[in-house]
């Protein structure tokens, strides 16, 4: 069984137990990168709670990928969110953030 399949099953089980609690209301955000960063933060928190050891986070934002991976300076408005993402991912043994153009996500 692949880790992606396992993650989907775990997420499905968790969602069934916590139906309705999975959704998160997000106030209006100023940019698509802010919105994507919030989504990555949520994903990182779920990954940490499931105690996964090897993960790939995919996003269609090349800028955000570079910021999370430390290859580009983090925008001041995203610093708190990316700090939280890094906090969650520090609990994961092996992780990376990968850029995949919109509509071409390979996992999940």
C-alpha atoms as a PDB file:
ATOM      1  CA  UNK A   1       0.000   0.000   0.000  1.00  0.00           C
ATOM      2  CA  UNK A   2       1.434   3.376  -0.945  1.00  0.00           C
ATOM      3  CA  UNK A   3       1.776   6.162   1.606  1.00  0.00           C
ATOM      4  CA  UNK A   4      -0.637   8.257  -0.472  1.00  0.00           C
ATOM      5  CA  UNK A   5      -3.276   5.538  -0.303  1.00  0.00           C
ATOM      6  CA  UNK A   6      -2.671   5.114   3.424  1.00  0.00           C
ATOM      7  CA  UNK A   7      -2.896   8.869   3.978  1.00  0.00           C
ATOM      8  CA  UNK A   8      -6.185   9.001   2.088  1.00  0.00           C
ATOM      9  CA  UNK A   9      -7.591   6.149   4.161  1.00  0.00           C
ATOM     10  CA  UNK A  10      -6.431   7.745   7.413  1.00  0.00           C
ATOM     11  CA  UNK A  11      -7.860  11.101   6.363  1.00  0.00           C
ATOM     12  CA  UNK A  12     -11.139   9.440   5.395  1.00  0.00           C
ATOM     13  CA  UNK A  13     -11.363   7.642   8.740  1.00  0.00           C
ATOM     14  CA  UNK A  14     -10.546  10.827  10.598  1.00  0.00           C
ATOM     15  CA  UNK A  15     -13.019  12.837   8.520  1.00  0.00           C
ATOM     16  CA  UNK A  16     -15.755  10.302   9.206  1.00  0.00           C
ATOM     17  CA  UNK A  17     -15.120  10.580  12.956  1.00  0.00           C
ATOM     18  CA  UNK A  18     -14.838  14.354  12.926  1.00  0.00           C
ATOM     19  CA  UNK A  19     -17.345  15.201  10.240  1.00  0.00           C
ATOM     20  CA  UNK A  20     -17.827  18.925  10.015  1.00  0.00           C
ATOM     21  CA  UNK A  21     -14.746  19.723  12.089  1.00  0.00           C
ATOM     22  CA  UNK A  22     -12.441  19.283   9.095  1.00  0.00           C
ATOM     23  CA  UNK A  23     -13.548  22.455   7.370  1.00  0.00           C
ATOM     24  CA  UNK A  24     -11.936  25.671   8.399  1.00  0.00           C
ATOM     25  CA  UNK A  25     -13.327  29.107   7.798  1.00  0.00           C
ATOM     26  CA  UNK A  26     -10.672  31.480   6.547  1.00  0.00           C
ATOM     27  CA  UNK A  27     -11.219  35.185   6.612  1.00  0.00           C
ATOM     28  CA  UNK A  28     -10.498  37.127   3.471  1.00  0.00           C
ATOM     29  CA  UNK A  29      -6.870  36.852   2.550  1.00  0.00           C
ATOM     30  CA  UNK A  30      -4.963  39.359   0.442  1.00  0.00           C
ATOM     31  CA  UNK A  31      -3.350  37.057  -2.098  1.00  0.00           C
ATOM     32  CA  UNK A  32      -3.407  33.593  -3.554  1.00  0.00           C
ATOM     33  CA  UNK A  33      -0.075  32.910  -1.813  1.00  0.00           C
ATOM     34  CA  UNK A  34      -1.638  33.762   1.554  1.00  0.00           C
ATOM     35  CA  UNK A  35      -4.489  31.374   0.843  1.00  0.00           C
ATOM     36  CA  UNK A  36      -2.125  28.636  -0.314  1.00  0.00           C
ATOM     37  CA  UNK A  37       0.082  29.158   2.754  1.00  0.00           C
ATOM     38  CA  UNK A  38      -2.967  28.700   4.997  1.00  0.00           C
ATOM     39  CA  UNK A  39      -3.783  25.470   3.154  1.00  0.00           C
ATOM     40  CA  UNK A  40      -0.202  24.227   3.606  1.00  0.00           C
ATOM     41  CA  UNK A  41      -0.368  25.138   7.295  1.00  0.00           C
ATOM     42  CA  UNK A  42      -3.532  23.070   7.700  1.00  0.00           C
ATOM     43  CA  UNK A  43      -1.991  20.157   5.764  1.00  0.00           C
ATOM     44  CA  UNK A  44       1.188  20.318   7.869  1.00  0.00           C
ATOM     45  CA  UNK A  45      -0.873  20.244  11.066  1.00  0.00           C
ATOM     46  CA  UNK A  46      -2.750  17.150   9.848  1.00  0.00           C
ATOM     47  CA  UNK A  47       0.504  15.456   8.824  1.00  0.00           C
ATOM     48  CA  UNK A  48       1.986  16.121  12.259  1.00  0.00           C
ATOM     49  CA  UNK A  49      -1.138  14.850  14.022  1.00  0.00           C
ATOM     50  CA  UNK A  50      -1.051  11.619  11.982  1.00  0.00           C
ATOM     51  CA  UNK A  51       2.655  11.287  12.877  1.00  0.00           C
ATOM     52  CA  UNK A  52       3.769  10.643   9.316  1.00  0.00           C
ATOM     53  CA  UNK A  53       7.507  10.357   8.820  1.00  0.00           C
ATOM     54  CA  UNK A  54       7.898  10.968   5.052  1.00  0.00           C
ATOM     55  CA  UNK A  55       5.770  13.494   3.182  1.00  0.00           C
ATOM     56  CA  UNK A  56       5.703  15.677   0.108  1.00  0.00           C
ATOM     57  CA  UNK A  57       3.561  18.817   0.192  1.00  0.00           C
ATOM     58  CA  UNK A  58       2.574  19.973  -3.275  1.00  0.00           C
ATOM     59  CA  UNK A  59       1.530  23.444  -4.288  1.00  0.00           C
ATOM     60  CA  UNK A  60       0.995  25.251  -7.553  1.00  0.00           C
ATOM     61  CA  UNK A  61       2.800  28.304  -6.173  1.00  0.00           C
ATOM     62  CA  UNK A  62       6.479  28.325  -7.117  1.00  0.00           C
ATOM     63  CA  UNK A  63       7.102  31.368  -4.910  1.00  0.00           C
ATOM     64  CA  UNK A  64       5.554  29.708  -1.872  1.00  0.00           C
ATOM     65  CA  UNK A  65       7.473  26.488  -2.562  1.00  0.00           C
ATOM     66  CA  UNK A  66      10.725  28.445  -2.580  1.00  0.00           C
ATOM     67  CA  UNK A  67       9.830  30.323   0.611  1.00  0.00           C
ATOM     68  CA  UNK A  68       8.881  27.172   2.547  1.00  0.00           C
ATOM     69  CA  UNK A  69      12.002  25.361   1.331  1.00  0.00           C
ATOM     70  CA  UNK A  70      14.206  28.309   2.352  1.00  0.00           C
ATOM     71  CA  UNK A  71      15.286  29.113  -1.191  1.00  0.00           C
ATOM     72  CA  UNK A  72      13.669  32.550  -1.244  1.00  0.00           C
ATOM     73  CA  UNK A  73      13.173  35.286   1.323  1.00  0.00           C
ATOM     74  CA  UNK A  74       9.816  34.949   3.063  1.00  0.00           C
ATOM     75  CA  UNK A  75       7.411  37.836   2.548  1.00  0.00           C
ATOM     76  CA  UNK A  76       6.789  39.700   5.832  1.00  0.00           C
ATOM     77  CA  UNK A  77       3.050  38.969   5.678  1.00  0.00           C
ATOM     78  CA  UNK A  78       3.752  35.224   5.354  1.00  0.00           C
ATOM     79  CA  UNK A  79       6.446  34.934   8.031  1.00  0.00           C
ATOM     80  CA  UNK A  80       4.078  33.903  10.867  1.00  0.00           C
ATOM     81  CA  UNK A  81       2.288  31.311   8.709  1.00  0.00           C
ATOM     82  CA  UNK A  82       5.493  29.807   7.351  1.00  0.00           C
ATOM     83  CA  UNK A  83       6.948  29.691  10.876  1.00  0.00           C
ATOM     84  CA  UNK A  84       3.952  27.587  11.941  1.00  0.00           C
ATOM     85  CA  UNK A  85       4.351  25.349   8.862  1.00  0.00           C
ATOM     86  CA  UNK A  86       8.006  24.797   9.814  1.00  0.00           C
ATOM     87  CA  UNK A  87       6.972  24.057  13.405  1.00  0.00           C
ATOM     88  CA  UNK A  88       4.606  21.298  12.288  1.00  0.00           C
ATOM     89  CA  UNK A  89       7.064  19.919   9.748  1.00  0.00           C
ATOM     90  CA  UNK A  90       9.824  19.779  12.370  1.00  0.00           C
ATOM     91  CA  UNK A  91       7.866  16.817  13.747  1.00  0.00           C
ATOM     92  CA  UNK A  92       8.225  14.967  10.431  1.00  0.00           C
ATOM     93  CA  UNK A  93      11.394  13.011   9.742  1.00  0.00           C
ATOM     94  CA  UNK A  94      11.612  13.674   5.972  1.00  0.00           C
ATOM     95  CA  UNK A  95       9.615  16.316   4.165  1.00  0.00           C
ATOM     96  CA  UNK A  96       9.787  18.529   1.139  1.00  0.00           C
ATOM     97  CA  UNK A  97       7.586  21.017  -0.588  1.00  0.00           C
ATOM     98  CA  UNK A  98       7.253  20.484  -4.299  1.00  0.00           C
ATOM     99  CA  UNK A  99       6.042  22.812  -7.044  1.00  0.00           C
ATOM    100  CA  UNK A 100       3.597  21.342  -9.535  1.00  0.00           C
ATOM    101  CA  UNK A 101       1.764  23.575 -11.994  1.00  0.00           C
ATOM    102  CA  UNK A 102      -1.977  23.848 -11.537  1.00  0.00           C
ATOM    103  CA  UNK A 103      -3.842  20.731 -12.573  1.00  0.00           C
ATOM    104  CA  UNK A 104      -0.722  18.561 -12.515  1.00  0.00           C
ATOM    105  CA  UNK A 105      -0.557  17.480  -8.868  1.00  0.00           C
ATOM    106  CA  UNK A 106       0.943  14.017  -8.791  1.00  0.00           C
ATOM    107  CA  UNK A 107      -0.020  12.918  -5.281  1.00  0.00           C
ATOM    108  CA  UNK A 108      -2.959  13.313  -2.952  1.00  0.00           C
END
